[in-house]
Amino acid sequence: MNEIRHIVFDIGNVLLHWERERPYRRLIPDAVKRRHFLTEICSDAWHHRLDEGVPVDEAIAELVARHPEHEDLIRAYKTEWLEMLPGAIGGTVEILERLVADGRDVTALTNFNQDLFQITVPEYPFLRIFRGVTVSGEKRLIKPDPAIYEEHARAFGLEPSATLFFDDMERNVAAARAAGWNAEVFTDPEGLRRDLARYGIAI
């Protein structure tokens, strides 16, 4: 096993809880109507376009034009965005901060709309302690596209075989391994500690 010199974190559901439905439980109390809205209007596919870099105001305007009867609910995707992020995953943040304090090289690679990321960072200052962050929306590349792993390694001078990546999505972990990185699926902070220890990094 190669010595790990670079550690890379995903953000959503690794460092921050993300619940897309959360504000809509309040805004659309009826579960059937809420499911329809998040499946057919502000759908997963629509959110995927945000992660790909479509500016959030542009994406909202296009959707409002198609569904004017839902304008307030569509605009809530931005205005209530922080409610979708109900808090940090504390144990992971503690590990992140310890790694940085120990002098480890730590960066982040996240599928995140660039505009929504700018809204998020001031609320969660620990997102500023990475040496750098690759935001999918800024690069117009999205995991698990191999190109985003290549871009992150190039931008931050990572040697793939000396890199360890944590993501909550199996497909993103598989893509990282295909790029030559070491990678593990994140489940919880204790699992993260165990995985780090297996690679010789004690926390």
N, C-alpha and C. Protein backbone atom coordinates (compact mmCIF):
# COMPACT_ATOMS: atom_id res chain seq x y z
N MET A 1 0.85 -1.20 0.00
CA MET A 1 0.00 0.00 0.00
C MET A 1 0.88 1.25 0.00
N ASN A 2 0.64 2.15 -0.94
CA ASN A 2 1.42 3.37 -1.02
C ASN A 2 1.12 4.29 0.15
N GLU A 3 2.11 5.10 0.52
CA GLU A 3 1.87 6.11 1.56
C GLU A 3 0.86 7.13 1.05
N ILE A 4 -0.11 7.44 1.88
CA ILE A 4 -1.12 8.44 1.51
C ILE A 4 -0.59 9.83 1.86
N ARG A 5 -0.52 10.68 0.84
CA ARG A 5 -0.05 12.06 1.05
C ARG A 5 -1.16 13.09 0.80
N HIS A 6 -2.24 12.65 0.18
CA HIS A 6 -3.34 13.57 -0.15
C HIS A 6 -4.66 12.92 0.26
N ILE A 7 -5.50 13.67 0.96
CA ILE A 7 -6.82 13.19 1.37
C ILE A 7 -7.87 14.12 0.76
N VAL A 8 -8.88 13.53 0.12
CA VAL A 8 -9.91 14.30 -0.59
C VAL A 8 -11.28 13.91 -0.03
N PHE A 9 -12.07 14.92 0.32
CA PHE A 9 -13.41 14.71 0.85
C PHE A 9 -14.47 15.17 -0.14
N ASP A 10 -15.52 14.38 -0.27
CA ASP A 10 -16.80 14.89 -0.77
C ASP A 10 -17.40 15.77 0.33
N ILE A 11 -18.43 16.54 0.02
CA ILE A 11 -19.03 17.42 1.03
C ILE A 11 -20.44 16.96 1.42
N GLY A 12 -21.35 16.87 0.46
CA GLY A 12 -22.73 16.52 0.80
C GLY A 12 -22.86 15.12 1.35
N ASN A 13 -23.45 14.99 2.52
CA ASN A 13 -23.66 13.73 3.23
C ASN A 13 -22.36 13.05 3.64
N VAL A 14 -21.28 13.83 3.64
CA VAL A 14 -20.02 13.41 4.24
C VAL A 14 -19.64 14.42 5.33
N LEU A 15 -19.70 15.69 4.98
CA LEU A 15 -19.44 16.76 5.94
C LEU A 15 -20.70 17.54 6.30
N LEU A 16 -21.64 17.59 5.38
CA LEU A 16 -22.90 18.30 5.61
C LEU A 16 -24.07 17.37 5.33
N HIS A 17 -25.04 17.33 6.25
CA HIS A 17 -26.29 16.65 5.94
C HIS A 17 -26.98 17.39 4.80
N TRP A 18 -27.55 16.64 3.86
CA TRP A 18 -28.30 17.27 2.77
C TRP A 18 -29.62 16.54 2.61
N GLU A 19 -30.72 17.29 2.79
CA GLU A 19 -32.07 16.74 2.67
C GLU A 19 -32.88 17.66 1.76
N ARG A 20 -32.94 17.30 0.50
CA ARG A 20 -33.59 18.15 -0.50
C ARG A 20 -35.06 18.39 -0.18
N GLU A 21 -35.68 17.41 0.45
CA GLU A 21 -37.12 17.49 0.71
C GLU A 21 -37.44 18.38 1.92
N ARG A 22 -36.46 18.63 2.76
CA ARG A 22 -36.71 19.22 4.07
C ARG A 22 -37.58 20.48 4.05
N PRO A 23 -37.25 21.54 3.30
CA PRO A 23 -38.11 22.73 3.34
C PRO A 23 -39.48 22.48 2.73
N TYR A 24 -39.56 21.52 1.82
CA TYR A 24 -40.83 21.27 1.15
C TYR A 24 -41.81 20.47 2.02
N ARG A 25 -41.32 19.86 3.07
CA ARG A 25 -42.26 19.25 4.02
C ARG A 25 -43.11 20.35 4.69
N ARG A 26 -42.51 21.50 4.85
CA ARG A 26 -43.22 22.65 5.43
C ARG A 26 -44.04 23.36 4.36
N LEU A 27 -43.48 23.52 3.18
CA LEU A 27 -44.13 24.30 2.13
C LEU A 27 -45.23 23.53 1.40
N ILE A 28 -45.08 22.20 1.34
CA ILE A 28 -46.09 21.34 0.68
C ILE A 28 -46.42 20.22 1.66
N PRO A 29 -47.31 20.46 2.59
CA PRO A 29 -47.60 19.44 3.63
C PRO A 29 -48.14 18.12 3.07
N ASP A 30 -48.86 18.19 1.97
CA ASP A 30 -49.43 16.98 1.39
C ASP A 30 -48.31 16.15 0.75
N ALA A 31 -48.10 14.92 1.22
CA ALA A 31 -46.97 14.10 0.78
C ALA A 31 -47.05 13.77 -0.71
N VAL A 32 -48.25 13.53 -1.24
CA VAL A 32 -48.39 13.18 -2.65
C VAL A 32 -48.03 14.38 -3.53
N LYS A 33 -48.54 15.55 -3.16
CA LYS A 33 -48.22 16.76 -3.94
C LYS A 33 -46.73 17.09 -3.84
N ARG A 34 -46.18 16.89 -2.66
CA ARG A 34 -44.74 17.16 -2.47
C ARG A 34 -43.90 16.23 -3.34
N ARG A 35 -44.25 14.96 -3.35
CA ARG A 35 -43.52 14.00 -4.16
C ARG A 35 -43.61 14.35 -5.64
N HIS A 36 -44.80 14.78 -6.07
CA HIS A 36 -44.97 15.17 -7.47
C HIS A 36 -44.09 16.37 -7.80
N PHE A 37 -44.05 17.35 -6.93
CA PHE A 37 -43.26 18.55 -7.18
C PHE A 37 -41.77 18.20 -7.31
N LEU A 38 -41.28 17.35 -6.42
CA LEU A 38 -39.84 17.04 -6.40
C LEU A 38 -39.47 15.96 -7.41
N THR A 39 -40.47 15.33 -8.00
CA THR A 39 -40.21 14.33 -9.03
C THR A 39 -40.39 14.90 -10.42
N GLU A 40 -41.39 15.78 -10.59
CA GLU A 40 -41.75 16.24 -11.92
C GLU A 40 -41.34 17.68 -12.20
N ILE A 41 -41.11 18.48 -11.18
CA ILE A 41 -40.81 19.91 -11.41
C ILE A 41 -39.37 20.19 -10.95
N CYS A 42 -39.13 20.38 -9.69
CA CYS A 42 -37.75 20.49 -9.20
C CYS A 42 -37.21 19.07 -9.00
N SER A 43 -36.99 18.42 -10.11
CA SER A 43 -36.67 16.99 -10.12
C SER A 43 -35.19 16.74 -9.86
N ASP A 44 -34.86 15.48 -9.69
CA ASP A 44 -33.45 15.11 -9.57
C ASP A 44 -32.68 15.50 -10.82
N ALA A 45 -33.29 15.31 -11.98
CA ALA A 45 -32.62 15.67 -13.23
C ALA A 45 -32.38 17.17 -13.30
N TRP A 46 -33.35 17.97 -12.83
CA TRP A 46 -33.17 19.43 -12.81
C TRP A 46 -32.04 19.80 -11.86
N HIS A 47 -32.01 19.18 -10.68
CA HIS A 47 -30.92 19.47 -9.74
C HIS A 47 -29.57 19.05 -10.33
N HIS A 48 -29.55 17.96 -11.07
CA HIS A 48 -28.32 17.51 -11.72
C HIS A 48 -27.76 18.61 -12.63
N ARG A 49 -28.64 19.31 -13.32
CA ARG A 49 -28.20 20.42 -14.18
C ARG A 49 -27.56 21.53 -13.36
N LEU A 50 -28.08 21.76 -12.15
CA LEU A 50 -27.45 22.75 -11.27
C LEU A 50 -26.03 22.32 -10.94
N ASP A 51 -25.86 21.05 -10.58
CA ASP A 51 -24.52 20.55 -10.27
C ASP A 51 -23.59 20.63 -11.47
N GLU A 52 -24.17 20.55 -12.66
CA GLU A 52 -23.37 20.66 -13.89
C GLU A 52 -22.97 22.10 -14.20
N GLY A 53 -23.52 23.06 -13.46
CA GLY A 53 -23.07 24.44 -13.62
C GLY A 53 -24.06 25.42 -14.20
N VAL A 54 -25.30 25.00 -14.46
CA VAL A 54 -26.29 25.97 -14.91
C VAL A 54 -26.52 26.96 -13.76
N PRO A 55 -26.37 28.28 -13.99
CA PRO A 55 -26.58 29.24 -12.91
C PRO A 55 -27.96 29.06 -12.28
N VAL A 56 -28.01 29.14 -10.96
CA VAL A 56 -29.26 28.79 -10.28
C VAL A 56 -30.39 29.73 -10.66
N ASP A 57 -30.12 31.02 -10.82
CA ASP A 57 -31.19 31.95 -11.19
C ASP A 57 -31.72 31.65 -12.59
N GLU A 58 -30.82 31.26 -13.48
CA GLU A 58 -31.24 30.91 -14.84
C GLU A 58 -32.10 29.65 -14.82
N ALA A 59 -31.68 28.65 -14.07
CA ALA A 59 -32.44 27.40 -14.00
C ALA A 59 -33.81 27.63 -13.39
N ILE A 60 -33.88 28.48 -12.37
CA ILE A 60 -35.16 28.78 -11.74
C ILE A 60 -36.06 29.55 -12.70
N ALA A 61 -35.51 30.52 -13.41
CA ALA A 61 -36.31 31.31 -14.36
C ALA A 61 -36.90 30.42 -15.45
N GLU A 62 -36.11 29.47 -15.95
CA GLU A 62 -36.61 28.57 -16.98
C GLU A 62 -37.76 27.71 -16.45
N LEU A 63 -37.62 27.26 -15.22
CA LEU A 63 -38.65 26.42 -14.63
C LEU A 63 -39.92 27.21 -14.32
N VAL A 64 -39.76 28.44 -13.85
CA VAL A 64 -40.92 29.30 -13.58
C VAL A 64 -41.68 29.58 -14.87
N ALA A 65 -40.95 29.76 -15.97
CA ALA A 65 -41.61 30.02 -17.25
C ALA A 65 -42.47 28.83 -17.68
N ARG A 66 -42.03 27.61 -17.33
CA ARG A 66 -42.78 26.41 -17.70
C ARG A 66 -43.88 26.10 -16.71
N HIS A 67 -43.69 26.49 -15.46
CA HIS A 67 -44.65 26.16 -14.40
C HIS A 67 -44.96 27.40 -13.56
N PRO A 68 -45.56 28.44 -14.15
CA PRO A 68 -45.77 29.68 -13.40
C PRO A 68 -46.66 29.51 -12.16
N GLU A 69 -47.50 28.50 -12.18
CA GLU A 69 -48.39 28.26 -11.04
C GLU A 69 -47.60 27.82 -9.80
N HIS A 70 -46.35 27.40 -9.98
CA HIS A 70 -45.52 26.94 -8.87
C HIS A 70 -44.35 27.89 -8.60
N GLU A 71 -44.49 29.13 -9.04
CA GLU A 71 -43.35 30.05 -8.96
C GLU A 71 -42.76 30.15 -7.56
N ASP A 72 -43.59 30.35 -6.56
CA ASP A 72 -43.07 30.53 -5.20
C ASP A 72 -42.32 29.29 -4.72
N LEU A 73 -42.86 28.13 -5.04
CA LEU A 73 -42.20 26.89 -4.61
C LEU A 73 -40.88 26.67 -5.35
N ILE A 74 -40.85 27.03 -6.61
CA ILE A 74 -39.61 26.89 -7.38
C ILE A 74 -38.55 27.84 -6.84
N ARG A 75 -38.93 29.07 -6.59
CA ARG A 75 -37.96 30.05 -6.07
C ARG A 75 -37.47 29.66 -4.68
N ALA A 76 -38.27 28.90 -3.95
CA ALA A 76 -37.85 28.46 -2.62
C ALA A 76 -36.64 27.53 -2.68
N TYR A 77 -36.38 26.95 -3.84
CA TYR A 77 -35.22 26.07 -3.96
C TYR A 77 -33.93 26.83 -3.65
N LYS A 78 -33.93 28.11 -3.99
CA LYS A 78 -32.78 28.95 -3.64
C LYS A 78 -32.98 29.65 -2.30
N THR A 79 -34.13 30.27 -2.10
CA THR A 79 -34.31 31.07 -0.89
C THR A 79 -34.29 30.21 0.37
N GLU A 80 -34.71 28.95 0.25
CA GLU A 80 -34.73 28.04 1.40
C GLU A 80 -33.61 26.99 1.31
N TRP A 81 -32.62 27.26 0.49
CA TRP A 81 -31.55 26.29 0.26
C TRP A 81 -30.89 25.83 1.57
N LEU A 82 -30.59 26.76 2.44
CA LEU A 82 -29.86 26.40 3.66
C LEU A 82 -30.68 25.48 4.56
N GLU A 83 -32.00 25.49 4.40
CA GLU A 83 -32.82 24.57 5.18
C GLU A 83 -32.61 23.13 4.70
N MET A 84 -32.16 22.97 3.46
CA MET A 84 -31.84 21.64 2.95
C MET A 84 -30.55 21.10 3.55
N LEU A 85 -29.79 21.97 4.21
CA LEU A 85 -28.53 21.61 4.84
C LEU A 85 -28.70 21.79 6.35
N PRO A 86 -29.32 20.83 7.03
CA PRO A 86 -29.71 21.05 8.42
C PRO A 86 -28.57 21.02 9.42
N GLY A 87 -27.36 20.78 8.96
CA GLY A 87 -26.24 20.82 9.90
C GLY A 87 -25.05 20.03 9.40
N ALA A 88 -23.94 20.25 10.09
CA ALA A 88 -22.72 19.52 9.78
C ALA A 88 -22.78 18.12 10.38
N ILE A 89 -22.04 17.20 9.79
CA ILE A 89 -21.84 15.88 10.36
C ILE A 89 -20.63 16.01 11.28
N GLY A 90 -20.94 16.28 12.55
CA GLY A 90 -19.93 16.75 13.49
C GLY A 90 -18.69 15.89 13.58
N GLY A 91 -18.86 14.57 13.66
CA GLY A 91 -17.70 13.71 13.78
C GLY A 91 -16.76 13.81 12.59
N THR A 92 -17.32 13.97 11.40
CA THR A 92 -16.49 14.11 10.21
C THR A 92 -15.74 15.44 10.23
N VAL A 93 -16.43 16.49 10.65
CA VAL A 93 -15.78 17.80 10.72
C VAL A 93 -14.60 17.75 11.70
N GLU A 94 -14.79 17.08 12.83
CA GLU A 94 -13.70 16.95 13.79
C GLU A 94 -12.50 16.24 13.18
N ILE A 95 -12.75 15.19 12.42
CA ILE A 95 -11.66 14.47 11.75
C ILE A 95 -10.98 15.38 10.73
N LEU A 96 -11.77 16.09 9.95
CA LEU A 96 -11.21 17.03 8.97
C LEU A 96 -10.30 18.04 9.65
N GLU A 97 -10.78 18.65 10.71
CA GLU A 97 -10.00 19.67 11.40
C GLU A 97 -8.72 19.09 12.00
N ARG A 98 -8.81 17.86 12.49
CA ARG A 98 -7.62 17.21 13.04
C ARG A 98 -6.59 16.93 11.94
N LEU A 99 -7.06 16.45 10.81
CA LEU A 99 -6.15 16.18 9.69
C LEU A 99 -5.41 17.45 9.27
N VAL A 100 -6.14 18.54 9.16
CA VAL A 100 -5.52 19.81 8.77
C VAL A 100 -4.54 20.27 9.84
N ALA A 101 -4.94 20.16 11.11
CA ALA A 101 -4.06 20.57 12.21
C ALA A 101 -2.79 19.74 12.24
N ASP A 102 -2.88 18.47 11.79
CA ASP A 102 -1.72 17.59 11.77
C ASP A 102 -0.84 17.82 10.54
N GLY A 103 -1.22 18.77 9.70
CA GLY A 103 -0.41 19.10 8.54
C GLY A 103 -0.68 18.25 7.31
N ARG A 104 -1.78 17.52 7.31
CA ARG A 104 -2.12 16.71 6.15
C ARG A 104 -2.61 17.58 5.00
N ASP A 105 -2.38 17.11 3.80
CA ASP A 105 -2.85 17.81 2.61
C ASP A 105 -4.29 17.37 2.34
N VAL A 106 -5.24 18.26 2.57
CA VAL A 106 -6.66 17.91 2.47
C VAL A 106 -7.36 18.86 1.50
N THR A 107 -8.04 18.29 0.51
CA THR A 107 -8.83 19.06 -0.45
C THR A 107 -10.23 18.46 -0.52
N ALA A 108 -11.10 19.10 -1.28
CA ALA A 108 -12.48 18.61 -1.44
C ALA A 108 -12.85 18.57 -2.92
N LEU A 109 -13.66 17.59 -3.25
CA LEU A 109 -14.17 17.40 -4.61
C LEU A 109 -15.66 17.13 -4.48
N THR A 110 -16.47 18.08 -4.94
CA THR A 110 -17.90 18.02 -4.64
C THR A 110 -18.76 18.31 -5.86
N ASN A 111 -19.86 17.57 -5.98
CA ASN A 111 -20.91 17.93 -6.93
C ASN A 111 -21.78 18.98 -6.25
N PHE A 112 -21.69 20.22 -6.72
CA PHE A 112 -22.35 21.33 -6.03
C PHE A 112 -22.50 22.47 -7.04
N ASN A 113 -23.67 23.05 -7.10
CA ASN A 113 -23.84 24.24 -7.93
C ASN A 113 -22.99 25.38 -7.39
N GLN A 114 -22.34 26.09 -8.26
CA GLN A 114 -21.40 27.13 -7.85
C GLN A 114 -22.09 28.27 -7.09
N ASP A 115 -23.28 28.64 -7.48
CA ASP A 115 -24.00 29.73 -6.80
C ASP A 115 -24.48 29.29 -5.41
N LEU A 116 -25.00 28.08 -5.33
CA LEU A 116 -25.45 27.57 -4.04
C LEU A 116 -24.27 27.32 -3.09
N PHE A 117 -23.12 26.96 -3.66
CA PHE A 117 -21.93 26.78 -2.83
C PHE A 117 -21.54 28.11 -2.17
N GLN A 118 -21.64 29.20 -2.91
CA GLN A 118 -21.31 30.51 -2.35
C GLN A 118 -22.27 30.91 -1.23
N ILE A 119 -23.51 30.46 -1.29
CA ILE A 119 -24.47 30.70 -0.22
C ILE A 119 -24.13 29.85 1.00
N THR A 120 -23.60 28.66 0.75
CA THR A 120 -23.37 27.68 1.82
C THR A 120 -22.14 27.99 2.65
N VAL A 121 -21.06 28.38 2.02
CA VAL A 121 -19.77 28.51 2.72
C VAL A 121 -19.83 29.44 3.93
N PRO A 122 -20.45 30.63 3.83
CA PRO A 122 -20.47 31.49 5.03
C PRO A 122 -21.17 30.86 6.23
N GLU A 123 -22.10 29.95 5.99
CA GLU A 123 -22.81 29.30 7.09
C GLU A 123 -21.99 28.18 7.73
N TYR A 124 -21.02 27.66 7.00
CA TYR A 124 -20.21 26.54 7.48
C TYR A 124 -18.74 26.86 7.24
N PRO A 125 -18.14 27.67 8.12
CA PRO A 125 -16.77 28.16 7.90
C PRO A 125 -15.72 27.07 7.75
N PHE A 126 -15.98 25.87 8.26
CA PHE A 126 -14.98 24.82 8.11
C PHE A 126 -14.75 24.47 6.64
N LEU A 127 -15.65 24.84 5.75
CA LEU A 127 -15.46 24.59 4.33
C LEU A 127 -14.32 25.42 3.75
N ARG A 128 -13.83 26.38 4.52
CA ARG A 128 -12.72 27.22 4.05
C ARG A 128 -11.35 26.65 4.43
N ILE A 129 -11.31 25.56 5.21
CA ILE A 129 -10.00 25.11 5.68
C ILE A 129 -9.30 24.15 4.72
N PHE A 130 -9.98 23.72 3.69
CA PHE A 130 -9.32 22.89 2.68
C PHE A 130 -8.23 23.69 1.97
N ARG A 131 -7.20 22.98 1.51
CA ARG A 131 -6.21 23.66 0.65
C ARG A 131 -6.88 24.15 -0.63
N GLY A 132 -7.88 23.46 -1.07
CA GLY A 132 -8.64 23.87 -2.24
C GLY A 132 -9.85 22.99 -2.43
N VAL A 133 -10.81 23.48 -3.21
CA VAL A 133 -12.05 22.75 -3.46
C VAL A 133 -12.34 22.77 -4.95
N THR A 134 -12.63 21.61 -5.51
CA THR A 134 -13.15 21.54 -6.87
C THR A 134 -14.67 21.43 -6.78
N VAL A 135 -15.37 22.44 -7.30
CA VAL A 135 -16.83 22.50 -7.30
C VAL A 135 -17.30 22.16 -8.72
N SER A 136 -18.11 21.14 -8.84
CA SER A 136 -18.52 20.67 -10.17
C SER A 136 -19.10 21.79 -11.02
N GLY A 137 -19.95 22.63 -10.42
CA GLY A 137 -20.59 23.69 -11.18
C GLY A 137 -19.61 24.68 -11.77
N GLU A 138 -18.51 24.92 -11.07
CA GLU A 138 -17.50 25.85 -11.59
C GLU A 138 -16.74 25.24 -12.77
N LYS A 139 -16.52 23.93 -12.73
CA LYS A 139 -15.73 23.26 -13.76
C LYS A 139 -16.58 22.74 -14.91
N ARG A 140 -17.90 22.75 -14.72
CA ARG A 140 -18.82 22.17 -15.71
C ARG A 140 -18.48 20.70 -15.95
N LEU A 141 -18.03 20.04 -14.89
CA LEU A 141 -17.77 18.61 -14.86
C LEU A 141 -18.39 18.06 -13.59
N ILE A 142 -18.82 16.81 -13.63
CA ILE A 142 -19.54 16.29 -12.48
C ILE A 142 -19.14 14.83 -12.25
N LYS A 143 -18.94 14.48 -10.96
CA LYS A 143 -18.69 13.06 -10.65
C LYS A 143 -19.89 12.23 -11.09
N PRO A 144 -19.69 11.05 -11.65
CA PRO A 144 -18.43 10.30 -11.74
C PRO A 144 -17.69 10.44 -13.06
N ASP A 145 -17.83 11.52 -13.78
CA ASP A 145 -17.07 11.73 -15.01
C ASP A 145 -15.57 11.64 -14.70
N PRO A 146 -14.82 10.79 -15.36
CA PRO A 146 -13.38 10.69 -15.08
C PRO A 146 -12.65 12.02 -15.19
N ALA A 147 -13.16 12.91 -16.03
CA ALA A 147 -12.46 14.18 -16.26
C ALA A 147 -12.37 15.03 -15.00
N ILE A 148 -13.35 14.93 -14.10
CA ILE A 148 -13.30 15.79 -12.91
C ILE A 148 -12.24 15.30 -11.93
N TYR A 149 -11.99 14.01 -11.91
CA TYR A 149 -10.91 13.48 -11.07
C TYR A 149 -9.55 13.91 -11.63
N GLU A 150 -9.43 13.84 -12.94
CA GLU A 150 -8.19 14.29 -13.58
C GLU A 150 -7.97 15.78 -13.33
N GLU A 151 -9.04 16.56 -13.42
CA GLU A 151 -8.94 18.00 -13.20
C GLU A 151 -8.53 18.31 -11.77
N HIS A 152 -9.13 17.60 -10.81
CA HIS A 152 -8.79 17.86 -9.41
C HIS A 152 -7.34 17.50 -9.14
N ALA A 153 -6.89 16.36 -9.64
CA ALA A 153 -5.49 15.95 -9.42
C ALA A 153 -4.53 16.94 -10.07
N ARG A 154 -4.86 17.40 -11.27
CA ARG A 154 -3.99 18.36 -11.95
C ARG A 154 -3.95 19.69 -11.22
N ALA A 155 -5.13 20.18 -10.82
CA ALA A 155 -5.20 21.50 -10.19
C ALA A 155 -4.44 21.56 -8.88
N PHE A 156 -4.43 20.45 -8.13
CA PHE A 156 -3.84 20.48 -6.80
C PHE A 156 -2.58 19.63 -6.68
N GLY A 157 -2.07 19.17 -7.82
CA GLY A 157 -0.81 18.45 -7.81
C GLY A 157 -0.85 17.15 -7.04
N LEU A 158 -1.94 16.39 -7.18
CA LEU A 158 -2.08 15.13 -6.45
C LEU A 158 -1.48 13.99 -7.25
N GLU A 159 -0.76 13.12 -6.57
CA GLU A 159 -0.33 11.88 -7.18
C GLU A 159 -1.44 10.86 -6.91
N PRO A 160 -2.10 10.35 -7.96
CA PRO A 160 -3.27 9.49 -7.75
C PRO A 160 -3.03 8.34 -6.77
N SER A 161 -1.91 7.63 -6.90
CA SER A 161 -1.68 6.47 -6.05
C SER A 161 -1.44 6.83 -4.60
N ALA A 162 -1.16 8.11 -4.33
CA ALA A 162 -0.94 8.60 -2.96
C ALA A 162 -2.14 9.38 -2.44
N THR A 163 -3.27 9.25 -3.14
CA THR A 163 -4.49 10.01 -2.81
C THR A 163 -5.54 9.06 -2.23
N LEU A 164 -6.23 9.53 -1.20
CA LEU A 164 -7.32 8.77 -0.56
C LEU A 164 -8.57 9.65 -0.57
N PHE A 165 -9.65 9.12 -1.16
CA PHE A 165 -10.88 9.88 -1.39
C PHE A 165 -12.04 9.24 -0.63
N PHE A 166 -12.89 10.08 -0.05
CA PHE A 166 -14.09 9.61 0.65
C PHE A 166 -15.32 10.25 0.04
N ASP A 167 -16.30 9.43 -0.32
CA ASP A 167 -17.56 9.88 -0.92
C ASP A 167 -18.66 8.95 -0.46
N ASP A 168 -19.88 9.47 -0.33
CA ASP A 168 -20.98 8.62 0.12
C ASP A 168 -21.63 7.83 -1.00
N MET A 169 -21.22 8.07 -2.25
CA MET A 169 -21.83 7.40 -3.40
C MET A 169 -20.87 6.37 -3.98
N GLU A 170 -21.32 5.14 -4.06
CA GLU A 170 -20.48 4.06 -4.56
C GLU A 170 -19.96 4.35 -5.97
N ARG A 171 -20.80 4.91 -6.85
CA ARG A 171 -20.36 5.15 -8.21
C ARG A 171 -19.22 6.17 -8.27
N ASN A 172 -19.23 7.14 -7.35
CA ASN A 172 -18.15 8.13 -7.33
C ASN A 172 -16.85 7.53 -6.80
N VAL A 173 -16.99 6.63 -5.84
CA VAL A 173 -15.83 5.91 -5.32
C VAL A 173 -15.24 5.02 -6.41
N ALA A 174 -16.10 4.31 -7.14
CA ALA A 174 -15.62 3.43 -8.21
C ALA A 174 -14.88 4.24 -9.28
N ALA A 175 -15.39 5.41 -9.61
CA ALA A 175 -14.73 6.25 -10.61
C ALA A 175 -13.38 6.74 -10.12
N ALA A 176 -13.29 7.07 -8.83
CA ALA A 176 -12.00 7.49 -8.27
C ALA A 176 -10.99 6.36 -8.34
N ARG A 177 -11.42 5.15 -8.02
CA ARG A 177 -10.51 4.00 -8.12
C ARG A 177 -10.06 3.77 -9.56
N ALA A 178 -10.98 3.96 -10.49
CA ALA A 178 -10.62 3.80 -11.91
C ALA A 178 -9.60 4.84 -12.34
N ALA A 179 -9.59 6.00 -11.66
CA ALA A 179 -8.63 7.05 -11.95
C ALA A 179 -7.29 6.82 -11.25
N GLY A 180 -7.19 5.72 -10.51
CA GLY A 180 -5.94 5.39 -9.84
C GLY A 180 -5.84 5.84 -8.41
N TRP A 181 -6.92 6.42 -7.88
CA TRP A 181 -6.95 6.86 -6.49
C TRP A 181 -7.30 5.68 -5.58
N ASN A 182 -6.92 5.79 -4.33
CA ASN A 182 -7.51 4.98 -3.29
C ASN A 182 -8.82 5.66 -2.90
N ALA A 183 -9.87 4.89 -2.65
CA ALA A 183 -11.16 5.52 -2.36
C ALA A 183 -12.02 4.57 -1.54
N GLU A 184 -12.81 5.17 -0.64
CA GLU A 184 -13.69 4.40 0.24
C GLU A 184 -15.05 5.07 0.33
N VAL A 185 -16.09 4.25 0.48
CA VAL A 185 -17.45 4.78 0.66
C VAL A 185 -17.59 5.26 2.10
N PHE A 186 -18.04 6.51 2.25
CA PHE A 186 -18.30 7.06 3.59
C PHE A 186 -19.67 6.59 4.06
N THR A 187 -19.70 6.09 5.30
CA THR A 187 -20.98 5.74 5.93
C THR A 187 -21.21 6.54 7.20
N ASP A 188 -20.17 6.68 8.02
CA ASP A 188 -20.29 7.45 9.25
C ASP A 188 -18.88 7.80 9.74
N PRO A 189 -18.76 8.73 10.69
CA PRO A 189 -17.44 9.16 11.14
C PRO A 189 -16.58 8.03 11.70
N GLU A 190 -17.19 7.09 12.41
CA GLU A 190 -16.39 6.00 12.96
C GLU A 190 -15.82 5.11 11.85
N GLY A 191 -16.61 4.88 10.83
CA GLY A 191 -16.10 4.14 9.68
C GLY A 191 -14.97 4.89 9.00
N LEU A 192 -15.10 6.20 8.93
CA LEU A 192 -14.04 7.04 8.35
C LEU A 192 -12.75 6.88 9.14
N ARG A 193 -12.85 6.91 10.46
CA ARG A 193 -11.66 6.73 11.30
C ARG A 193 -11.00 5.38 11.04
N ARG A 194 -11.83 4.35 10.94
CA ARG A 194 -11.28 3.01 10.69
C ARG A 194 -10.59 2.94 9.33
N ASP A 195 -11.22 3.54 8.33
CA ASP A 195 -10.62 3.52 7.00
C ASP A 195 -9.29 4.28 6.99
N LEU A 196 -9.26 5.44 7.63
CA LEU A 196 -8.00 6.18 7.70
C LEU A 196 -6.92 5.35 8.38
N ALA A 197 -7.28 4.66 9.45
CA ALA A 197 -6.30 3.85 10.17
C ALA A 197 -5.76 2.73 9.28
N ARG A 198 -6.62 2.14 8.45
CA ARG A 198 -6.16 1.07 7.55
C ARG A 198 -5.11 1.58 6.57
N TYR A 199 -5.19 2.88 6.26
CA TYR A 199 -4.21 3.48 5.36
C TYR A 199 -3.05 4.13 6.13
N GLY A 200 -2.97 3.85 7.42
CA GLY A 200 -1.85 4.33 8.21
C GLY A 200 -1.99 5.72 8.73
N ILE A 201 -3.21 6.23 8.79
CA ILE A 201 -3.45 7.60 9.27
C ILE A 201 -4.26 7.52 10.55
N ALA A 202 -3.63 7.75 11.67
CA ALA A 202 -4.30 7.67 12.97
C ALA A 202 -4.88 9.02 13.35
N ILE A 203 -6.12 9.00 13.82
CA ILE A 203 -6.81 10.22 14.25
C ILE A 203 -7.23 10.06 15.72
